Protein backbone atom coordinates (compact mmCIF):
# COMPACT_ATOMS: atom_id res chain seq x y z
CA UNK A 1 129.01 92.76 96.83
CA UNK A 2 125.79 93.05 98.88
CA UNK A 3 123.83 96.27 98.74
CA UNK A 4 123.35 98.31 101.89
CA UNK A 5 119.71 97.22 102.05
CA UNK A 6 120.78 93.56 102.04
CA UNK A 7 123.26 94.22 104.85
CA UNK A 8 120.60 95.97 106.88
CA UNK A 9 118.16 93.13 106.27
CA UNK A 10 120.75 90.63 107.49
CA UNK A 11 121.38 92.69 110.63
CA UNK A 12 117.64 92.85 111.24
CA UNK A 13 117.19 89.09 110.79
CA UNK A 14 120.12 88.43 113.12
CA UNK A 15 118.64 90.80 115.70
CA UNK A 16 115.24 89.14 115.46
CA UNK A 17 116.92 85.80 116.14
CA UNK A 18 118.60 87.14 119.29
CA UNK A 19 115.27 88.49 120.50
CA UNK A 20 113.40 85.27 119.65
CA UNK A 21 115.86 83.18 121.68
CA UNK A 22 115.88 85.67 124.56
CA UNK A 23 112.09 85.75 124.80
CA UNK A 24 111.83 81.95 124.51
CA UNK A 25 113.97 81.82 127.64
CA UNK A 26 111.84 84.48 129.37
CA UNK A 27 114.85 86.75 129.75
CA UNK A 28 114.60 90.51 130.03
CA UNK A 29 117.18 92.68 128.29
CA UNK A 30 118.67 93.51 131.68
CA UNK A 31 118.93 89.87 132.73
CA UNK A 32 120.64 88.95 129.46
CA UNK A 33 122.98 91.92 129.83
CA UNK A 34 124.01 90.65 133.27
CA UNK A 35 124.67 87.18 131.87
CA UNK A 36 126.88 88.33 129.02
CA UNK A 37 128.40 91.53 130.42
CA UNK A 38 126.97 93.75 127.68
CA UNK A 39 124.92 96.90 128.18
CA UNK A 40 121.17 96.30 127.84
CA UNK A 41 120.81 99.30 125.52
CA UNK A 42 123.41 97.81 123.17
CA UNK A 43 121.58 94.48 123.14
CA UNK A 44 118.37 96.33 122.25
CA UNK A 45 120.20 97.96 119.32
CA UNK A 46 121.45 94.55 118.14
CA UNK A 47 117.92 93.16 118.36
CA UNK A 48 116.59 96.03 116.25
CA UNK A 49 119.37 95.55 113.71
CA UNK A 50 120.56 99.11 114.22
CA UNK A 51 124.26 98.39 114.57
CA UNK A 52 126.77 96.03 113.04
CA UNK A 53 127.92 93.49 115.61
CA UNK A 54 131.45 92.24 116.30
CA UNK A 55 132.25 88.56 116.32
CA UNK A 56 133.34 88.75 119.97
CA UNK A 57 129.91 90.18 120.81
CA UNK A 58 128.20 87.30 119.02
CA UNK A 59 130.17 84.98 121.29
CA UNK A 60 129.19 86.94 124.43
CA UNK A 61 125.50 86.83 123.43
CA UNK A 62 125.71 83.08 122.80
CA UNK A 63 127.23 82.58 126.25
CA UNK A 64 124.54 84.74 127.83
CA UNK A 65 121.78 82.86 126.01
CA UNK A 66 123.44 79.50 126.71
CA UNK A 67 123.34 78.51 123.03
CA UNK A 68 125.94 77.57 120.44
CA UNK A 69 126.88 80.69 118.45
CA UNK A 70 125.62 79.06 115.24
CA UNK A 71 122.08 79.14 116.66
CA UNK A 72 122.18 82.92 116.47
CA UNK A 73 122.56 82.57 112.70
CA UNK A 74 119.79 79.97 112.29
CA UNK A 75 117.33 82.08 110.32
CA UNK A 76 116.12 82.17 106.74
CA UNK A 77 117.40 84.66 104.22
CA UNK A 78 114.88 85.08 101.42
CA UNK A 79 117.58 85.59 98.80
CA UNK A 80 118.80 82.02 99.39
CA UNK A 81 115.41 80.33 99.64
CA UNK A 82 114.24 78.22 96.70
């Protein structure tokens, strides 16, 4: 079972990926929130890895970013790198 620190690291990496994609598309938090019908303050919390995210929210973010949901998980996890 993963330790809390590993869970928090995963949330942080996931959030960084959301932010990276958003910024690559020159989207503000507010613009993304309008696209995916989520509050901009919640998106900011996801980007900072402060909250655990629901699968339905992952889908909404993918729609708002116009990417396949799997792209939101396309980041490296040091534990699995060799």
